[in-house]
């Protein structure tokens, strides 16, 4: 039986996977896509989000580009290193 290398990072993920990864709703992910903040491509009817696009959203090179996320009515900024530790 061959062994699977789990160290390989995905190139793209689905909207549902992105929502789960960021602890956001799918509607919020779709909103970010429509605003052009996430780059996508389609395979048939399936929409995929490019991982570099997702990483640049949570690790912005310019702090002014960080996305504000509302939870329970209070605006908060996504911390660049809070979700993905290198």
C-alpha atoms as a PDB file:
ATOM      1  CA  UNK A   1       0.000   0.000   0.000  1.00  0.00           C
ATOM      2  CA  UNK A   2       1.390   3.437  -0.883  1.00  0.00           C
ATOM      3  CA  UNK A   3       1.713   6.115   1.745  1.00  0.00           C
ATOM      4  CA  UNK A   4       0.095   9.508   1.333  1.00  0.00           C
ATOM      5  CA  UNK A   5       2.256  12.598   1.819  1.00  0.00           C
ATOM      6  CA  UNK A   6       0.155  14.878   4.076  1.00  0.00           C
ATOM      7  CA  UNK A   7       2.703  17.702   3.883  1.00  0.00           C
ATOM      8  CA  UNK A   8       1.473  18.725   0.414  1.00  0.00           C
ATOM      9  CA  UNK A   9      -0.570  21.922   0.629  1.00  0.00           C
ATOM     10  CA  UNK A  10      -3.641  22.334  -1.598  1.00  0.00           C
ATOM     11  CA  UNK A  11      -3.459  24.818  -4.477  1.00  0.00           C
ATOM     12  CA  UNK A  12      -7.167  25.631  -4.219  1.00  0.00           C
ATOM     13  CA  UNK A  13     -10.068  24.863  -1.888  1.00  0.00           C
ATOM     14  CA  UNK A  14     -13.854  24.990  -2.109  1.00  0.00           C
ATOM     15  CA  UNK A  15     -15.994  27.795  -0.711  1.00  0.00           C
ATOM     16  CA  UNK A  16     -17.203  25.497   2.085  1.00  0.00           C
ATOM     17  CA  UNK A  17     -13.619  24.562   3.005  1.00  0.00           C
ATOM     18  CA  UNK A  18     -12.578  28.235   3.033  1.00  0.00           C
ATOM     19  CA  UNK A  19     -15.533  29.108   5.256  1.00  0.00           C
ATOM     20  CA  UNK A  20     -14.619  26.353   7.708  1.00  0.00           C
ATOM     21  CA  UNK A  21     -10.924  27.261   7.645  1.00  0.00           C
ATOM     22  CA  UNK A  22     -11.621  30.932   8.411  1.00  0.00           C
ATOM     23  CA  UNK A  23     -14.585  30.311  10.739  1.00  0.00           C
ATOM     24  CA  UNK A  24     -16.793  32.412   8.485  1.00  0.00           C
ATOM     25  CA  UNK A  25     -20.070  31.726   6.758  1.00  0.00           C
ATOM     26  CA  UNK A  26     -20.256  30.713   3.115  1.00  0.00           C
ATOM     27  CA  UNK A  27     -22.196  33.904   2.415  1.00  0.00           C
ATOM     28  CA  UNK A  28     -19.263  35.967   3.707  1.00  0.00           C
ATOM     29  CA  UNK A  29     -16.851  33.995   1.513  1.00  0.00           C
ATOM     30  CA  UNK A  30     -19.086  34.608  -1.535  1.00  0.00           C
ATOM     31  CA  UNK A  31     -19.188  38.314  -0.647  1.00  0.00           C
ATOM     32  CA  UNK A  32     -15.375  38.433  -0.560  1.00  0.00           C
ATOM     33  CA  UNK A  33     -15.288  36.698  -3.950  1.00  0.00           C
ATOM     34  CA  UNK A  34     -17.754  39.188  -5.459  1.00  0.00           C
ATOM     35  CA  UNK A  35     -15.716  42.095  -4.013  1.00  0.00           C
ATOM     36  CA  UNK A  36     -12.654  40.703  -5.797  1.00  0.00           C
ATOM     37  CA  UNK A  37     -10.761  39.978  -2.575  1.00  0.00           C
ATOM     38  CA  UNK A  38     -10.492  36.258  -3.357  1.00  0.00           C
ATOM     39  CA  UNK A  39      -9.388  34.821  -6.698  1.00  0.00           C
ATOM     40  CA  UNK A  40     -11.380  31.864  -7.965  1.00  0.00           C
ATOM     41  CA  UNK A  41     -11.692  29.510 -10.882  1.00  0.00           C
ATOM     42  CA  UNK A  42     -14.407  27.063 -11.842  1.00  0.00           C
ATOM     43  CA  UNK A  43     -14.244  23.376 -12.623  1.00  0.00           C
ATOM     44  CA  UNK A  44     -17.649  22.589 -14.047  1.00  0.00           C
ATOM     45  CA  UNK A  45     -20.083  23.983 -11.485  1.00  0.00           C
ATOM     46  CA  UNK A  46     -17.554  23.833  -8.652  1.00  0.00           C
ATOM     47  CA  UNK A  47     -15.947  27.107  -7.562  1.00  0.00           C
ATOM     48  CA  UNK A  48     -12.397  26.889  -6.161  1.00  0.00           C
ATOM     49  CA  UNK A  49     -10.505  29.587  -4.252  1.00  0.00           C
ATOM     50  CA  UNK A  50      -6.775  29.871  -4.871  1.00  0.00           C
ATOM     51  CA  UNK A  51      -4.788  29.407  -1.660  1.00  0.00           C
ATOM     52  CA  UNK A  52      -2.362  32.299  -2.345  1.00  0.00           C
ATOM     53  CA  UNK A  53      -5.411  34.569  -2.606  1.00  0.00           C
ATOM     54  CA  UNK A  54      -6.795  33.249   0.687  1.00  0.00           C
ATOM     55  CA  UNK A  55      -3.432  33.583   2.444  1.00  0.00           C
ATOM     56  CA  UNK A  56      -2.982  37.158   1.215  1.00  0.00           C
ATOM     57  CA  UNK A  57      -6.389  37.960   2.697  1.00  0.00           C
ATOM     58  CA  UNK A  58      -5.412  36.817   6.196  1.00  0.00           C
ATOM     59  CA  UNK A  59      -1.748  37.835   5.904  1.00  0.00           C
ATOM     60  CA  UNK A  60      -1.929  41.149   4.102  1.00  0.00           C
ATOM     61  CA  UNK A  61       1.342  42.756   3.072  1.00  0.00           C
ATOM     62  CA  UNK A  62      -0.239  46.103   3.898  1.00  0.00           C
ATOM     63  CA  UNK A  63      -2.089  46.249   7.270  1.00  0.00           C
ATOM     64  CA  UNK A  64      -4.567  48.695   5.737  1.00  0.00           C
ATOM     65  CA  UNK A  65      -5.854  45.892   3.473  1.00  0.00           C
ATOM     66  CA  UNK A  66      -6.870  43.598   6.334  1.00  0.00           C
ATOM     67  CA  UNK A  67     -10.507  42.573   6.073  1.00  0.00           C
ATOM     68  CA  UNK A  68     -12.867  43.670   8.805  1.00  0.00           C
ATOM     69  CA  UNK A  69     -15.159  40.899   9.972  1.00  0.00           C
ATOM     70  CA  UNK A  70     -18.304  41.559  12.011  1.00  0.00           C
ATOM     71  CA  UNK A  71     -19.140  39.139  14.773  1.00  0.00           C
ATOM     72  CA  UNK A  72     -21.938  39.840  17.197  1.00  0.00           C
ATOM     73  CA  UNK A  73     -22.138  43.417  15.962  1.00  0.00           C
ATOM     74  CA  UNK A  74     -18.572  44.404  16.824  1.00  0.00           C
ATOM     75  CA  UNK A  75     -16.107  45.039  13.985  1.00  0.00           C
ATOM     76  CA  UNK A  76     -12.808  43.228  14.345  1.00  0.00           C
ATOM     77  CA  UNK A  77      -9.785  43.007  12.131  1.00  0.00           C
ATOM     78  CA  UNK A  78      -8.501  39.638  11.051  1.00  0.00           C
ATOM     79  CA  UNK A  79      -5.107  39.225  12.635  1.00  0.00           C
ATOM     80  CA  UNK A  80      -2.559  38.257   9.991  1.00  0.00           C
ATOM     81  CA  UNK A  81      -0.855  35.499  11.989  1.00  0.00           C
ATOM     82  CA  UNK A  82      -3.825  34.290  14.015  1.00  0.00           C
ATOM     83  CA  UNK A  83      -5.024  31.680  11.510  1.00  0.00           C
ATOM     84  CA  UNK A  84      -1.898  30.364   9.828  1.00  0.00           C
ATOM     85  CA  UNK A  85       1.220  29.760  11.819  1.00  0.00           C
ATOM     86  CA  UNK A  86       4.299  29.131   9.694  1.00  0.00           C
END
